[in-house]
Amino acid sequence: MRCVIARFPFDLTKSGVLESMKGVKPEQVVGASVTIGRCTYPVKQVGQVITGQDRRDFSTGEVLRAMTRLGFTCRTAPPAAEPTGLLSPLPQASAVLGVQVNTD
């Protein structure tokens, strides 16, 4: 399959990716990931190995699209949790000062 990653064309095959990743130890997955064989790799690690490019040269989305089209299982990064229990500025300042303010 022909795909473009970081403005460079690549002819990738599923068997070629499997061969390239054989023997590569997976790094810790923090964001998006690709499952290749029995291992789960960070997307940027896979992109670096299969293209030979620096990780800063391509986006996660480019590699995810290519790996999905080849039939690999891809997962995007989970959404960041929203902070809960935060006070608005006036009640927060009042709590720091030990004064209770009625905000009604």
C-alpha atoms as a PDB file:
ATOM      1  CA  MET A   1       0.000   0.000   0.000  1.00  0.00           C
ATOM      2  CA  ARG A   2       1.357   3.409  -0.947  1.00  0.00           C
ATOM      3  CA  CYS A   3       1.127   6.080   1.741  1.00  0.00           C
ATOM      4  CA  VAL A   4       2.727   9.426   2.455  1.00  0.00           C
ATOM      5  CA  ILE A   5       4.332  10.044   5.843  1.00  0.00           C
ATOM      6  CA  ALA A   6       6.071  13.370   6.462  1.00  0.00           C
ATOM      7  CA  ARG A   7       5.812  14.252   2.754  1.00  0.00           C
ATOM      8  CA  PHE A   8       7.692  11.087   1.696  1.00  0.00           C
ATOM      9  CA  PRO A   9       5.977   8.216  -0.151  1.00  0.00           C
ATOM     10  CA  PHE A  10       6.293   4.699   1.269  1.00  0.00           C
ATOM     11  CA  ASP A  11       5.128   1.354  -0.090  1.00  0.00           C
ATOM     12  CA  LEU A  12       4.109  -0.496   3.060  1.00  0.00           C
ATOM     13  CA  THR A  13       2.799  -4.022   3.438  1.00  0.00           C
ATOM     14  CA  LYS A  14       1.494  -5.746   6.519  1.00  0.00           C
ATOM     15  CA  SER A  15       4.169  -8.438   6.254  1.00  0.00           C
ATOM     16  CA  GLY A  16       6.835  -5.761   5.782  1.00  0.00           C
ATOM     17  CA  VAL A  17       5.753  -3.946   8.945  1.00  0.00           C
ATOM     18  CA  LEU A  18       5.685  -7.236  10.876  1.00  0.00           C
ATOM     19  CA  GLU A  19       9.214  -8.012   9.677  1.00  0.00           C
ATOM     20  CA  SER A  20      10.479  -4.496  10.523  1.00  0.00           C
ATOM     21  CA  MET A  21       9.066  -4.650  14.045  1.00  0.00           C
ATOM     22  CA  LYS A  22      10.336  -8.193  14.739  1.00  0.00           C
ATOM     23  CA  GLY A  23      12.750  -8.059  17.677  1.00  0.00           C
ATOM     24  CA  VAL A  24      11.938  -4.417  18.529  1.00  0.00           C
ATOM     25  CA  LYS A  25      11.241  -4.015  22.241  1.00  0.00           C
ATOM     26  CA  PRO A  26       8.090  -1.934  22.820  1.00  0.00           C
ATOM     27  CA  GLU A  27       8.541   1.323  24.700  1.00  0.00           C
ATOM     28  CA  GLN A  28       6.032   2.385  27.330  1.00  0.00           C
ATOM     29  CA  VAL A  29       2.751   3.440  25.709  1.00  0.00           C
ATOM     30  CA  VAL A  30       1.615   6.864  26.864  1.00  0.00           C
ATOM     31  CA  GLY A  31      -0.652   8.026  24.047  1.00  0.00           C
ATOM     32  CA  ALA A  32      -1.810   6.419  20.827  1.00  0.00           C
ATOM     33  CA  SER A  33      -0.698   2.844  20.154  1.00  0.00           C
ATOM     34  CA  VAL A  34      -0.533   0.137  17.486  1.00  0.00           C
ATOM     35  CA  THR A  35      -0.794  -3.582  18.204  1.00  0.00           C
ATOM     36  CA  ILE A  36       1.606  -5.527  15.995  1.00  0.00           C
ATOM     37  CA  GLY A  37       1.670  -9.245  16.597  1.00  0.00           C
ATOM     38  CA  ARG A  38       1.367  -9.712  20.345  1.00  0.00           C
ATOM     39  CA  CYS A  39       3.020  -6.411  21.271  1.00  0.00           C
ATOM     40  CA  THR A  40       1.590  -2.928  21.647  1.00  0.00           C
ATOM     41  CA  TYR A  41       3.879  -0.120  20.520  1.00  0.00           C
ATOM     42  CA  PRO A  42       3.631   3.669  20.746  1.00  0.00           C
ATOM     43  CA  VAL A  43       2.694   5.056  17.327  1.00  0.00           C
ATOM     44  CA  LYS A  44       5.785   7.249  17.118  1.00  0.00           C
ATOM     45  CA  GLN A  45       8.072   4.252  17.744  1.00  0.00           C
ATOM     46  CA  VAL A  46       6.420   2.302  14.920  1.00  0.00           C
ATOM     47  CA  GLY A  47       6.677   5.283  12.578  1.00  0.00           C
ATOM     48  CA  GLN A  48      10.362   5.722  13.329  1.00  0.00           C
ATOM     49  CA  VAL A  49      11.163   2.050  12.729  1.00  0.00           C
ATOM     50  CA  ILE A  50       9.192   1.618   9.488  1.00  0.00           C
ATOM     51  CA  THR A  51      10.190   4.938   7.892  1.00  0.00           C
ATOM     52  CA  GLY A  52      13.658   5.533   9.312  1.00  0.00           C
ATOM     53  CA  GLN A  53      12.641   9.136  10.033  1.00  0.00           C
ATOM     54  CA  ASP A  54      12.995  11.144  13.197  1.00  0.00           C
ATOM     55  CA  ARG A  55       9.851  11.091  15.356  1.00  0.00           C
ATOM     56  CA  ARG A  56       9.524  14.861  15.078  1.00  0.00           C
ATOM     57  CA  ASP A  57       9.189  14.642  11.288  1.00  0.00           C
ATOM     58  CA  PHE A  58       5.769  12.948  11.165  1.00  0.00           C
ATOM     59  CA  SER A  59       2.479  13.141  13.015  1.00  0.00           C
ATOM     60  CA  THR A  60       0.771  10.426  15.000  1.00  0.00           C
ATOM     61  CA  GLY A  61      -2.229  10.705  12.675  1.00  0.00           C
ATOM     62  CA  GLU A  62      -0.181   9.880   9.575  1.00  0.00           C
ATOM     63  CA  VAL A  63       1.086   6.632  11.079  1.00  0.00           C
ATOM     64  CA  LEU A  64      -2.300   5.724  12.587  1.00  0.00           C
ATOM     65  CA  ARG A  65      -3.983   6.095   9.183  1.00  0.00           C
ATOM     66  CA  ALA A  66      -1.363   3.921   7.486  1.00  0.00           C
ATOM     67  CA  MET A  67      -1.447   1.206  10.160  1.00  0.00           C
ATOM     68  CA  THR A  68      -5.261   1.155  10.184  1.00  0.00           C
ATOM     69  CA  ARG A  69      -5.338   0.769   6.391  1.00  0.00           C
ATOM     70  CA  LEU A  70      -2.914  -2.151   6.692  1.00  0.00           C
ATOM     71  CA  GLY A  71      -5.254  -3.853   9.174  1.00  0.00           C
ATOM     72  CA  PHE A  72      -3.422  -3.333  12.459  1.00  0.00           C
ATOM     73  CA  THR A  73      -5.345  -2.566  15.644  1.00  0.00           C
ATOM     74  CA  CYS A  74      -4.818   1.073  16.572  1.00  0.00           C
ATOM     75  CA  ARG A  75      -5.899   2.973  19.658  1.00  0.00           C
ATOM     76  CA  THR A  76      -5.892   6.713  20.082  1.00  0.00           C
ATOM     77  CA  ALA A  77      -4.896   8.413  23.308  1.00  0.00           C
ATOM     78  CA  PRO A  78      -7.680   8.502  25.910  1.00  0.00           C
ATOM     79  CA  PRO A  79      -9.227  11.939  26.408  1.00  0.00           C
ATOM     80  CA  ALA A  80      -7.789  13.937  29.280  1.00  0.00           C
ATOM     81  CA  ALA A  81      -9.943  13.909  32.385  1.00  0.00           C
ATOM     82  CA  GLU A  82     -11.512  17.200  33.285  1.00  0.00           C
ATOM     83  CA  PRO A  83     -10.552  18.555  36.688  1.00  0.00           C
ATOM     84  CA  THR A  84     -13.332  18.306  39.235  1.00  0.00           C
ATOM     85  CA  GLY A  85     -13.986  20.053  42.482  1.00  0.00           C
ATOM     86  CA  LEU A  86     -12.345  23.332  41.521  1.00  0.00           C
ATOM     87  CA  LEU A  87     -13.638  26.462  43.157  1.00  0.00           C
ATOM     88  CA  SER A  88     -14.129  29.726  41.344  1.00  0.00           C
ATOM     89  CA  PRO A  89     -11.539  32.406  42.227  1.00  0.00           C
ATOM     90  CA  LEU A  90     -13.502  34.188  45.024  1.00  0.00           C
ATOM     91  CA  PRO A  91     -14.424  31.068  47.028  1.00  0.00           C
ATOM     92  CA  GLN A  92     -10.916  29.656  46.471  1.00  0.00           C
ATOM     93  CA  ALA A  93      -9.273  32.817  47.836  1.00  0.00           C
ATOM     94  CA  SER A  94     -11.712  32.845  50.735  1.00  0.00           C
ATOM     95  CA  ALA A  95     -10.883  29.238  51.565  1.00  0.00           C
ATOM     96  CA  VAL A  96      -7.154  30.041  51.567  1.00  0.00           C
ATOM     97  CA  LEU A  97      -7.745  32.964  53.913  1.00  0.00           C
ATOM     98  CA  GLY A  98     -10.070  30.953  56.122  1.00  0.00           C
ATOM     99  CA  VAL A  99     -13.015  33.303  55.510  1.00  0.00           C
ATOM    100  CA  GLN A 100     -16.367  32.062  54.305  1.00  0.00           C
ATOM    101  CA  VAL A 101     -17.963  34.277  51.651  1.00  0.00           C
ATOM    102  CA  ASN A 102     -21.561  34.010  50.510  1.00  0.00           C
ATOM    103  CA  THR A 103     -21.511  34.060  46.691  1.00  0.00           C
ATOM    104  CA  ASP A 104     -25.295  34.047  46.182  1.00  0.00           C
END
